[in-house]
């Protein structure tokens, strides 16, 4: 996985750039906010490397917050890299966090390719999204995925897991299931 590139930007357009890293030139798709910050010459960019059956693509960001936002968005159902990049081009990460917290469907509809239903779904799926949240432990993440695969809703899972005291995945799942039964 390519998570960053350090080299010389040899060509820059509003939505992509070419960066020369030790003689290998990479094409990297970028948001308009990143495009405004970067210029030709030496640069370091954070990247997300997406591999599909028929293609590989690099998406680059000037800040780690923008990369976190993009990575979170592409995990949502119905949101691919193009829509996630359009969101990153329309809003700065801090602005997007406010939109999610305020559940502002009308602002999210301003993004090209997002209609009212998509905007509502994105806001619901993101729930209490924040960029500066402490990284959850791998046991917590695995327990959340296990509970989600059992059919429980993300909001319910997050609330219950926040009250659990176990440290390992199995313990978290058992404790969460007991608490969910009591609800």
N, C-alpha and C. Protein backbone atom coordinates (compact mmCIF):
# COMPACT_ATOMS: atom_id res chain seq x y z
N UNK A 1 0.85 -1.17 0.00
CA UNK A 1 0.00 0.00 0.00
C UNK A 1 0.89 1.24 0.00
N UNK A 2 0.60 2.16 -0.86
CA UNK A 2 1.36 3.41 -0.93
C UNK A 2 0.60 4.45 -0.09
N UNK A 3 1.21 4.93 1.00
CA UNK A 3 0.53 5.86 1.90
C UNK A 3 1.07 7.27 1.82
N UNK A 4 2.11 7.47 1.04
CA UNK A 4 2.64 8.81 0.87
C UNK A 4 3.71 8.82 -0.21
N UNK A 5 3.92 9.99 -0.79
CA UNK A 5 4.95 10.16 -1.81
C UNK A 5 5.75 11.43 -1.51
N UNK A 6 7.05 11.32 -1.64
CA UNK A 6 7.90 12.49 -1.49
C UNK A 6 8.73 12.58 -2.77
N UNK A 7 8.61 13.69 -3.46
CA UNK A 7 9.33 13.84 -4.71
C UNK A 7 9.10 15.21 -5.30
N UNK A 8 9.22 15.28 -6.62
CA UNK A 8 9.07 16.56 -7.30
C UNK A 8 7.83 16.53 -8.20
N UNK A 9 6.95 17.49 -7.99
CA UNK A 9 5.77 17.60 -8.84
C UNK A 9 6.22 18.18 -10.18
N UNK A 10 6.01 17.41 -11.25
CA UNK A 10 6.47 17.84 -12.57
C UNK A 10 5.33 18.35 -13.45
N UNK A 11 4.09 18.02 -13.10
CA UNK A 11 2.93 18.53 -13.82
C UNK A 11 1.78 18.61 -12.83
N UNK A 12 1.02 19.70 -12.91
CA UNK A 12 -0.12 19.84 -12.00
C UNK A 12 -1.30 20.44 -12.74
N UNK A 13 -2.44 19.76 -12.64
CA UNK A 13 -3.72 20.23 -13.16
C UNK A 13 -4.65 20.36 -11.95
N UNK A 14 -5.81 20.96 -12.10
CA UNK A 14 -6.69 21.12 -10.94
C UNK A 14 -7.10 19.81 -10.25
N UNK A 15 -7.22 18.71 -11.01
CA UNK A 15 -7.70 17.48 -10.40
C UNK A 15 -6.68 16.34 -10.35
N UNK A 16 -5.49 16.55 -10.86
CA UNK A 16 -4.45 15.51 -10.77
C UNK A 16 -3.07 16.15 -10.91
N UNK A 17 -2.07 15.36 -10.53
CA UNK A 17 -0.69 15.81 -10.70
C UNK A 17 0.18 14.62 -11.03
N UNK A 18 1.37 14.92 -11.55
CA UNK A 18 2.39 13.91 -11.76
C UNK A 18 3.52 14.24 -10.81
N UNK A 19 3.95 13.24 -10.04
CA UNK A 19 5.05 13.45 -9.11
C UNK A 19 6.15 12.43 -9.40
N UNK A 20 7.36 12.95 -9.56
CA UNK A 20 8.54 12.14 -9.86
C UNK A 20 9.18 11.72 -8.54
N UNK A 21 9.16 10.42 -8.27
CA UNK A 21 9.76 9.88 -7.06
C UNK A 21 10.90 8.96 -7.48
N UNK A 22 12.12 9.44 -7.36
CA UNK A 22 13.32 8.65 -7.69
C UNK A 22 13.25 8.08 -9.11
N UNK A 23 12.79 8.87 -10.06
CA UNK A 23 12.75 8.44 -11.45
C UNK A 23 11.47 7.76 -11.90
N UNK A 24 10.58 7.47 -10.97
CA UNK A 24 9.28 6.89 -11.31
C UNK A 24 8.25 7.99 -11.17
N UNK A 25 7.46 8.23 -12.23
CA UNK A 25 6.46 9.30 -12.19
C UNK A 25 5.08 8.69 -11.94
N UNK A 26 4.45 9.15 -10.86
CA UNK A 26 3.13 8.66 -10.46
C UNK A 26 2.07 9.69 -10.82
N UNK A 27 0.92 9.19 -11.30
CA UNK A 27 -0.24 10.06 -11.48
C UNK A 27 -1.07 9.97 -10.20
N UNK A 28 -1.39 11.12 -9.63
CA UNK A 28 -2.12 11.17 -8.37
C UNK A 28 -3.33 12.09 -8.54
N UNK A 29 -4.52 11.59 -8.25
CA UNK A 29 -5.73 12.41 -8.32
C UNK A 29 -5.83 13.21 -7.03
N UNK A 30 -6.17 14.49 -7.14
CA UNK A 30 -6.19 15.38 -5.98
C UNK A 30 -7.48 16.19 -5.92
N UNK A 31 -7.76 16.69 -4.73
CA UNK A 31 -8.93 17.57 -4.55
C UNK A 31 -8.54 18.98 -4.95
N UNK A 32 -9.52 19.83 -5.12
CA UNK A 32 -9.24 21.23 -5.47
C UNK A 32 -8.53 21.96 -4.33
N UNK A 33 -8.82 21.57 -3.08
CA UNK A 33 -8.14 22.19 -1.94
C UNK A 33 -6.66 21.84 -1.94
N UNK A 34 -6.34 20.58 -2.24
CA UNK A 34 -4.94 20.16 -2.31
C UNK A 34 -4.25 20.84 -3.49
N UNK A 35 -4.95 20.94 -4.61
CA UNK A 35 -4.39 21.59 -5.79
C UNK A 35 -4.01 23.04 -5.50
N UNK A 36 -4.82 23.72 -4.71
CA UNK A 36 -4.56 25.13 -4.38
C UNK A 36 -3.32 25.28 -3.49
N UNK A 37 -3.02 24.27 -2.70
CA UNK A 37 -1.90 24.35 -1.76
C UNK A 37 -0.57 23.95 -2.40
N UNK A 38 -0.60 22.96 -3.30
CA UNK A 38 0.63 22.44 -3.89
C UNK A 38 1.06 23.24 -5.12
N UNK A 39 2.37 23.26 -5.34
CA UNK A 39 2.90 23.90 -6.55
C UNK A 39 4.00 23.01 -7.12
N UNK A 40 4.44 23.32 -8.33
CA UNK A 40 5.51 22.53 -8.95
C UNK A 40 6.75 22.59 -8.06
N UNK A 41 7.50 21.50 -8.05
CA UNK A 41 8.71 21.44 -7.23
C UNK A 41 8.59 20.35 -6.18
N UNK A 42 9.48 20.38 -5.21
CA UNK A 42 9.52 19.35 -4.15
C UNK A 42 8.24 19.38 -3.32
N UNK A 43 7.74 18.19 -3.00
CA UNK A 43 6.51 18.10 -2.21
C UNK A 43 6.42 16.73 -1.54
N UNK A 44 5.66 16.70 -0.47
CA UNK A 44 5.29 15.46 0.20
C UNK A 44 3.77 15.44 0.25
N UNK A 45 3.18 14.34 -0.22
CA UNK A 45 1.73 14.24 -0.18
C UNK A 45 1.32 12.92 0.46
N UNK A 46 0.22 12.96 1.21
CA UNK A 46 -0.38 11.76 1.79
C UNK A 46 -1.22 11.12 0.70
N UNK A 47 -1.18 9.80 0.60
CA UNK A 47 -1.93 9.14 -0.47
C UNK A 47 -2.77 7.98 0.04
N UNK A 48 -3.79 7.69 -0.73
CA UNK A 48 -4.59 6.48 -0.56
C UNK A 48 -4.48 5.73 -1.88
N UNK A 49 -4.08 4.48 -1.80
CA UNK A 49 -3.87 3.64 -2.98
C UNK A 49 -5.06 2.70 -3.09
N UNK A 50 -5.81 2.82 -4.16
CA UNK A 50 -6.99 1.99 -4.36
C UNK A 50 -6.75 1.03 -5.52
N UNK A 51 -6.88 -0.26 -5.24
CA UNK A 51 -6.68 -1.29 -6.25
C UNK A 51 -8.02 -1.95 -6.50
N UNK A 52 -8.43 -1.96 -7.76
CA UNK A 52 -9.68 -2.61 -8.17
C UNK A 52 -9.32 -3.70 -9.18
N UNK A 53 -10.31 -4.48 -9.58
CA UNK A 53 -10.07 -5.54 -10.56
C UNK A 53 -9.43 -5.02 -11.84
N UNK A 54 -9.92 -3.88 -12.30
CA UNK A 54 -9.50 -3.37 -13.60
C UNK A 54 -8.64 -2.11 -13.55
N UNK A 55 -8.31 -1.62 -12.35
CA UNK A 55 -7.52 -0.40 -12.28
C UNK A 55 -6.83 -0.23 -10.93
N UNK A 56 -5.85 0.65 -10.93
CA UNK A 56 -5.18 1.08 -9.71
C UNK A 56 -5.13 2.59 -9.77
N UNK A 57 -5.34 3.25 -8.64
CA UNK A 57 -5.30 4.71 -8.63
C UNK A 57 -4.75 5.21 -7.30
N UNK A 58 -4.06 6.33 -7.38
CA UNK A 58 -3.55 7.02 -6.20
C UNK A 58 -4.32 8.31 -6.02
N UNK A 59 -4.75 8.58 -4.79
CA UNK A 59 -5.43 9.82 -4.45
C UNK A 59 -4.57 10.53 -3.42
N UNK A 60 -4.23 11.80 -3.71
CA UNK A 60 -3.29 12.51 -2.86
C UNK A 60 -3.91 13.68 -2.13
N UNK A 61 -3.32 13.99 -0.96
CA UNK A 61 -3.86 15.04 -0.10
C UNK A 61 -2.72 15.81 0.55
N UNK A 62 -2.92 17.12 0.68
CA UNK A 62 -1.91 17.98 1.30
C UNK A 62 -1.87 17.79 2.80
N UNK A 63 -3.03 17.46 3.41
CA UNK A 63 -3.08 17.30 4.87
C UNK A 63 -3.56 15.89 5.23
N UNK A 64 -3.16 15.46 6.40
CA UNK A 64 -3.58 14.15 6.87
C UNK A 64 -5.07 14.13 7.19
N UNK A 65 -5.63 15.27 7.63
CA UNK A 65 -7.07 15.34 7.91
C UNK A 65 -7.89 15.09 6.65
N UNK A 66 -7.45 15.66 5.53
CA UNK A 66 -8.17 15.45 4.28
C UNK A 66 -8.10 13.98 3.86
N UNK A 67 -6.95 13.36 4.07
CA UNK A 67 -6.80 11.93 3.77
C UNK A 67 -7.72 11.10 4.65
N UNK A 68 -7.80 11.42 5.95
CA UNK A 68 -8.68 10.69 6.87
C UNK A 68 -10.14 10.82 6.42
N UNK A 69 -10.52 12.02 6.03
CA UNK A 69 -11.88 12.25 5.55
C UNK A 69 -12.17 11.39 4.33
N UNK A 70 -11.29 11.41 3.35
CA UNK A 70 -11.44 10.62 2.12
C UNK A 70 -11.55 9.13 2.46
N UNK A 71 -10.63 8.64 3.31
CA UNK A 71 -10.61 7.22 3.66
C UNK A 71 -11.91 6.81 4.35
N UNK A 72 -12.46 7.67 5.18
CA UNK A 72 -13.72 7.37 5.88
C UNK A 72 -14.88 7.36 4.89
N UNK A 73 -14.88 8.31 3.96
CA UNK A 73 -15.97 8.43 3.00
C UNK A 73 -16.05 7.23 2.07
N UNK A 74 -14.92 6.74 1.59
CA UNK A 74 -14.96 5.63 0.62
C UNK A 74 -15.40 4.32 1.27
N UNK A 75 -15.47 4.28 2.59
CA UNK A 75 -15.96 3.08 3.28
C UNK A 75 -17.49 3.04 3.33
N UNK A 76 -18.13 4.16 3.02
CA UNK A 76 -19.60 4.23 3.05
C UNK A 76 -20.18 3.56 1.81
N UNK A 77 -21.33 2.94 1.96
CA UNK A 77 -21.96 2.31 0.80
C UNK A 77 -22.44 3.39 -0.17
N UNK A 78 -22.16 3.19 -1.43
CA UNK A 78 -22.59 4.13 -2.46
C UNK A 78 -21.67 5.32 -2.66
N UNK A 79 -20.58 5.39 -1.90
CA UNK A 79 -19.63 6.51 -2.05
C UNK A 79 -18.32 5.94 -2.56
N UNK A 80 -18.02 6.25 -3.81
CA UNK A 80 -16.76 5.80 -4.39
C UNK A 80 -15.72 6.90 -4.32
N UNK A 81 -14.54 6.64 -4.86
CA UNK A 81 -13.47 7.64 -4.82
C UNK A 81 -13.82 8.96 -5.48
N UNK A 82 -14.58 8.93 -6.58
CA UNK A 82 -14.92 10.18 -7.27
C UNK A 82 -15.82 11.07 -6.42
N UNK A 83 -16.83 10.48 -5.79
CA UNK A 83 -17.72 11.27 -4.93
C UNK A 83 -16.98 11.74 -3.69
N UNK A 84 -16.14 10.87 -3.11
CA UNK A 84 -15.37 11.25 -1.93
C UNK A 84 -14.42 12.41 -2.27
N UNK A 85 -13.81 12.37 -3.44
CA UNK A 85 -12.91 13.45 -3.86
C UNK A 85 -13.70 14.73 -4.12
N UNK A 86 -14.93 14.59 -4.65
CA UNK A 86 -15.78 15.76 -4.87
C UNK A 86 -16.14 16.41 -3.53
N UNK A 87 -16.39 15.60 -2.51
CA UNK A 87 -16.68 16.15 -1.17
C UNK A 87 -15.44 16.87 -0.64
N UNK A 88 -14.26 16.25 -0.80
CA UNK A 88 -13.01 16.87 -0.35
C UNK A 88 -12.73 18.16 -1.12
N UNK A 89 -13.16 18.24 -2.37
CA UNK A 89 -12.96 19.45 -3.17
C UNK A 89 -13.93 20.55 -2.77
N UNK A 90 -15.11 20.17 -2.31
CA UNK A 90 -16.15 21.14 -1.96
C UNK A 90 -15.97 21.70 -0.56
N UNK A 91 -15.58 20.84 0.38
CA UNK A 91 -15.47 21.26 1.78
C UNK A 91 -14.10 20.94 2.35
N UNK A 92 -13.60 21.82 3.21
CA UNK A 92 -12.41 21.50 4.00
C UNK A 92 -12.84 20.49 5.06
N UNK A 93 -11.92 19.67 5.56
CA UNK A 93 -12.30 18.66 6.55
C UNK A 93 -13.06 19.24 7.76
N UNK A 94 -12.63 20.37 8.28
CA UNK A 94 -13.30 20.95 9.44
C UNK A 94 -14.72 21.39 9.09
N UNK A 95 -14.93 21.90 7.88
CA UNK A 95 -16.27 22.30 7.43
C UNK A 95 -17.17 21.07 7.33
N UNK A 96 -16.61 19.97 6.80
CA UNK A 96 -17.41 18.76 6.62
C UNK A 96 -17.82 18.18 7.97
N UNK A 97 -16.93 18.24 8.96
CA UNK A 97 -17.27 17.75 10.30
C UNK A 97 -18.46 18.53 10.84
N UNK A 98 -18.48 19.83 10.64
CA UNK A 98 -19.61 20.65 11.11
C UNK A 98 -20.90 20.26 10.39
N UNK A 99 -20.81 20.02 9.09
CA UNK A 99 -21.99 19.62 8.30
C UNK A 99 -22.56 18.32 8.86
N UNK A 100 -21.68 17.37 9.16
CA UNK A 100 -22.13 16.08 9.70
C UNK A 100 -22.74 16.27 11.08
N UNK A 101 -22.10 17.05 11.93
CA UNK A 101 -22.62 17.26 13.28
C UNK A 101 -23.98 17.97 13.26
N UNK A 102 -24.17 18.88 12.30
CA UNK A 102 -25.43 19.61 12.20
C UNK A 102 -26.46 18.88 11.35
N UNK A 103 -26.05 17.75 10.75
CA UNK A 103 -26.94 16.96 9.87
C UNK A 103 -27.51 17.85 8.76
N UNK A 104 -26.67 18.66 8.14
CA UNK A 104 -27.08 19.66 7.15
C UNK A 104 -27.13 19.05 5.74
N UNK A 105 -28.29 18.49 5.40
CA UNK A 105 -28.49 17.85 4.11
C UNK A 105 -28.33 18.85 2.96
N UNK A 106 -28.85 20.07 3.14
CA UNK A 106 -28.81 21.06 2.06
C UNK A 106 -27.38 21.43 1.67
N UNK A 107 -26.48 21.50 2.65
CA UNK A 107 -25.07 21.80 2.33
C UNK A 107 -24.43 20.63 1.58
N UNK A 108 -24.70 19.42 2.02
CA UNK A 108 -24.11 18.25 1.38
C UNK A 108 -24.61 18.06 -0.04
N UNK A 109 -25.84 18.50 -0.33
CA UNK A 109 -26.39 18.40 -1.69
C UNK A 109 -25.65 19.30 -2.67
N UNK A 110 -24.84 20.25 -2.18
CA UNK A 110 -24.07 21.13 -3.06
C UNK A 110 -22.93 20.40 -3.77
N UNK A 111 -22.58 19.23 -3.27
CA UNK A 111 -21.51 18.44 -3.88
C UNK A 111 -22.02 17.81 -5.17
N UNK A 112 -21.29 17.98 -6.29
CA UNK A 112 -21.72 17.35 -7.55
C UNK A 112 -21.83 15.83 -7.38
N UNK A 113 -22.96 15.27 -7.82
CA UNK A 113 -23.16 13.83 -7.75
C UNK A 113 -23.88 13.35 -6.50
N UNK A 114 -24.24 14.29 -5.60
CA UNK A 114 -24.96 13.90 -4.39
C UNK A 114 -26.33 14.55 -4.39
N UNK A 115 -27.36 13.69 -4.35
CA UNK A 115 -28.74 14.18 -4.28
C UNK A 115 -29.24 14.11 -2.85
N UNK A 116 -30.53 14.43 -2.65
CA UNK A 116 -31.07 14.45 -1.29
C UNK A 116 -31.02 13.10 -0.57
N UNK A 117 -31.33 12.02 -1.28
CA UNK A 117 -31.31 10.69 -0.65
C UNK A 117 -29.88 10.29 -0.27
N UNK A 118 -28.94 10.52 -1.19
CA UNK A 118 -27.54 10.19 -0.91
C UNK A 118 -27.01 11.01 0.25
N UNK A 119 -27.34 12.29 0.27
CA UNK A 119 -26.88 13.17 1.34
C UNK A 119 -27.40 12.68 2.68
N UNK A 120 -28.67 12.34 2.74
CA UNK A 120 -29.26 11.86 3.99
C UNK A 120 -28.59 10.56 4.44
N UNK A 121 -28.38 9.65 3.51
CA UNK A 121 -27.76 8.36 3.83
C UNK A 121 -26.34 8.55 4.35
N UNK A 122 -25.57 9.43 3.70
CA UNK A 122 -24.19 9.70 4.13
C UNK A 122 -24.18 10.25 5.55
N UNK A 123 -25.05 11.19 5.84
CA UNK A 123 -25.09 11.79 7.18
C UNK A 123 -25.48 10.76 8.24
N UNK A 124 -26.42 9.88 7.90
CA UNK A 124 -26.83 8.85 8.86
C UNK A 124 -25.69 7.86 9.09
N UNK A 125 -25.04 7.43 8.03
CA UNK A 125 -23.96 6.45 8.17
C UNK A 125 -22.75 7.01 8.91
N UNK A 126 -22.48 8.29 8.76
CA UNK A 126 -21.33 8.88 9.45
C UNK A 126 -21.60 9.07 10.93
N UNK A 127 -22.85 9.25 11.30
CA UNK A 127 -23.20 9.38 12.71
C UNK A 127 -22.48 10.53 13.38
N UNK A 128 -21.68 10.22 14.39
CA UNK A 128 -20.93 11.24 15.15
C UNK A 128 -19.50 11.31 14.65
N UNK A 129 -19.30 11.65 13.39
CA UNK A 129 -17.98 11.69 12.77
C UNK A 129 -17.15 12.85 13.28
N UNK A 130 -15.88 12.58 13.59
CA UNK A 130 -14.93 13.63 13.98
C UNK A 130 -13.54 13.20 13.51
N UNK A 131 -12.75 14.16 13.06
CA UNK A 131 -11.41 13.85 12.56
C UNK A 131 -10.41 13.61 13.67
N UNK A 132 -10.57 14.27 14.81
CA UNK A 132 -9.57 14.19 15.86
C UNK A 132 -9.88 13.16 16.93
N UNK A 133 -10.80 12.25 16.60
CA UNK A 133 -11.15 11.25 17.60
C UNK A 133 -9.96 10.31 17.81
N UNK A 134 -9.82 9.83 19.03
CA UNK A 134 -8.72 8.93 19.35
C UNK A 134 -8.90 7.63 18.57
N UNK A 135 -7.82 7.09 18.04
CA UNK A 135 -7.97 5.86 17.28
C UNK A 135 -8.47 4.72 18.17
N UNK A 136 -9.46 4.02 17.72
CA UNK A 136 -10.00 2.91 18.49
C UNK A 136 -9.03 1.74 18.42
N UNK A 137 -9.05 0.93 19.45
CA UNK A 137 -8.16 -0.23 19.47
C UNK A 137 -8.60 -1.22 18.40
N UNK A 138 -7.68 -2.09 18.01
CA UNK A 138 -8.04 -3.08 17.00
C UNK A 138 -9.10 -4.03 17.55
N UNK A 139 -9.05 -4.33 18.85
CA UNK A 139 -10.06 -5.20 19.46
C UNK A 139 -11.44 -4.54 19.36
N UNK A 140 -11.51 -3.25 19.63
CA UNK A 140 -12.78 -2.51 19.54
C UNK A 140 -13.30 -2.57 18.10
N UNK A 141 -12.42 -2.28 17.12
CA UNK A 141 -12.82 -2.31 15.71
C UNK A 141 -13.30 -3.69 15.28
N UNK A 142 -12.58 -4.73 15.71
CA UNK A 142 -12.98 -6.10 15.35
C UNK A 142 -14.32 -6.47 15.98
N UNK A 143 -14.52 -6.06 17.24
CA UNK A 143 -15.79 -6.33 17.92
C UNK A 143 -16.93 -5.60 17.21
N UNK A 144 -16.69 -4.36 16.81
CA UNK A 144 -17.72 -3.59 16.10
C UNK A 144 -18.09 -4.27 14.78
N UNK A 145 -17.08 -4.74 14.05
CA UNK A 145 -17.35 -5.44 12.78
C UNK A 145 -18.11 -6.74 13.03
N UNK A 146 -17.74 -7.47 14.08
CA UNK A 146 -18.43 -8.73 14.39
C UNK A 146 -19.90 -8.46 14.71
N UNK A 147 -20.16 -7.45 15.52
CA UNK A 147 -21.54 -7.12 15.89
C UNK A 147 -22.34 -6.63 14.68
N UNK A 148 -21.67 -5.88 13.82
CA UNK A 148 -22.33 -5.38 12.61
C UNK A 148 -22.70 -6.55 11.70
N UNK A 149 -21.81 -7.54 11.60
CA UNK A 149 -22.10 -8.70 10.75
C UNK A 149 -23.25 -9.53 11.31
N UNK A 150 -23.53 -9.37 12.61
CA UNK A 150 -24.67 -10.05 13.22
C UNK A 150 -25.98 -9.31 12.99
N UNK A 151 -25.90 -8.13 12.38
CA UNK A 151 -27.11 -7.40 12.02
C UNK A 151 -27.46 -6.22 12.90
N UNK A 152 -26.59 -5.89 13.87
CA UNK A 152 -26.87 -4.75 14.73
C UNK A 152 -26.49 -3.45 14.03
N UNK A 153 -27.17 -2.36 14.39
CA UNK A 153 -26.93 -1.06 13.77
C UNK A 153 -25.69 -0.41 14.35
N UNK A 154 -24.98 0.36 13.51
CA UNK A 154 -23.72 1.01 13.93
C UNK A 154 -23.90 1.89 15.16
N UNK A 155 -24.98 2.66 15.19
CA UNK A 155 -25.21 3.57 16.31
C UNK A 155 -25.36 2.79 17.61
N UNK A 156 -26.12 1.70 17.55
CA UNK A 156 -26.34 0.86 18.72
C UNK A 156 -25.02 0.22 19.16
N UNK A 157 -24.23 -0.24 18.20
CA UNK A 157 -22.95 -0.88 18.50
C UNK A 157 -22.01 0.11 19.19
N UNK A 158 -21.91 1.32 18.66
CA UNK A 158 -21.01 2.32 19.23
C UNK A 158 -21.40 2.66 20.67
N UNK A 159 -22.70 2.84 20.91
CA UNK A 159 -23.17 3.18 22.26
C UNK A 159 -22.85 2.07 23.25
N UNK A 160 -23.11 0.83 22.86
CA UNK A 160 -22.89 -0.29 23.76
C UNK A 160 -21.40 -0.53 23.98
N UNK A 161 -20.60 -0.52 22.92
CA UNK A 161 -19.16 -0.77 23.06
C UNK A 161 -18.48 0.30 23.91
N UNK A 162 -19.00 1.51 23.88
CA UNK A 162 -18.41 2.60 24.68
C UNK A 162 -18.54 2.31 26.17
N UNK A 163 -19.50 1.47 26.55
CA UNK A 163 -19.70 1.15 27.97
C UNK A 163 -19.02 -0.15 28.38
N UNK A 164 -18.45 -0.88 27.44
CA UNK A 164 -17.82 -2.17 27.74
C UNK A 164 -16.42 -1.97 28.33
N UNK A 165 -16.04 -2.91 29.23
CA UNK A 165 -14.75 -2.80 29.91
C UNK A 165 -13.73 -3.82 29.42
N UNK A 166 -14.14 -4.83 28.69
CA UNK A 166 -13.23 -5.87 28.21
C UNK A 166 -12.16 -5.27 27.30
N UNK A 167 -11.02 -5.94 27.22
CA UNK A 167 -9.89 -5.44 26.43
C UNK A 167 -9.67 -6.24 25.14
N UNK A 168 -10.15 -7.48 25.10
CA UNK A 168 -9.95 -8.30 23.91
C UNK A 168 -11.24 -8.38 23.09
N UNK A 169 -11.11 -8.78 21.85
CA UNK A 169 -12.25 -8.81 20.92
C UNK A 169 -13.38 -9.71 21.43
N UNK A 170 -13.03 -10.93 21.81
CA UNK A 170 -14.06 -11.88 22.26
C UNK A 170 -14.79 -11.34 23.49
N UNK A 171 -14.05 -10.80 24.42
CA UNK A 171 -14.65 -10.24 25.63
C UNK A 171 -15.58 -9.08 25.33
N UNK A 172 -15.15 -8.21 24.41
CA UNK A 172 -15.99 -7.08 24.02
C UNK A 172 -17.29 -7.53 23.37
N UNK A 173 -17.20 -8.53 22.50
CA UNK A 173 -18.39 -9.03 21.81
C UNK A 173 -19.36 -9.65 22.82
N UNK A 174 -18.85 -10.48 23.73
CA UNK A 174 -19.70 -11.12 24.74
C UNK A 174 -20.38 -10.08 25.62
N UNK A 175 -19.60 -9.12 26.10
CA UNK A 175 -20.14 -8.07 26.97
C UNK A 175 -21.19 -7.23 26.24
N UNK A 176 -20.89 -6.88 24.98
CA UNK A 176 -21.82 -6.08 24.18
C UNK A 176 -23.12 -6.83 23.92
N UNK A 177 -23.03 -8.12 23.62
CA UNK A 177 -24.24 -8.92 23.38
C UNK A 177 -25.11 -8.98 24.62
N UNK A 178 -24.51 -9.12 25.80
CA UNK A 178 -25.28 -9.14 27.05
C UNK A 178 -26.00 -7.82 27.25
N UNK A 179 -25.32 -6.72 26.97
CA UNK A 179 -25.92 -5.39 27.17
C UNK A 179 -27.01 -5.11 26.14
N UNK A 180 -26.82 -5.58 24.93
CA UNK A 180 -27.83 -5.38 23.88
C UNK A 180 -29.10 -6.17 24.22
N UNK A 181 -28.94 -7.37 24.80
CA UNK A 181 -30.11 -8.18 25.18
C UNK A 181 -30.96 -7.46 26.22
N UNK A 182 -30.32 -6.70 27.11
CA UNK A 182 -31.04 -6.02 28.17
C UNK A 182 -31.79 -4.79 27.67
N UNK A 183 -31.43 -4.31 26.47
CA UNK A 183 -32.09 -3.10 25.93
C UNK A 183 -33.51 -3.36 25.50
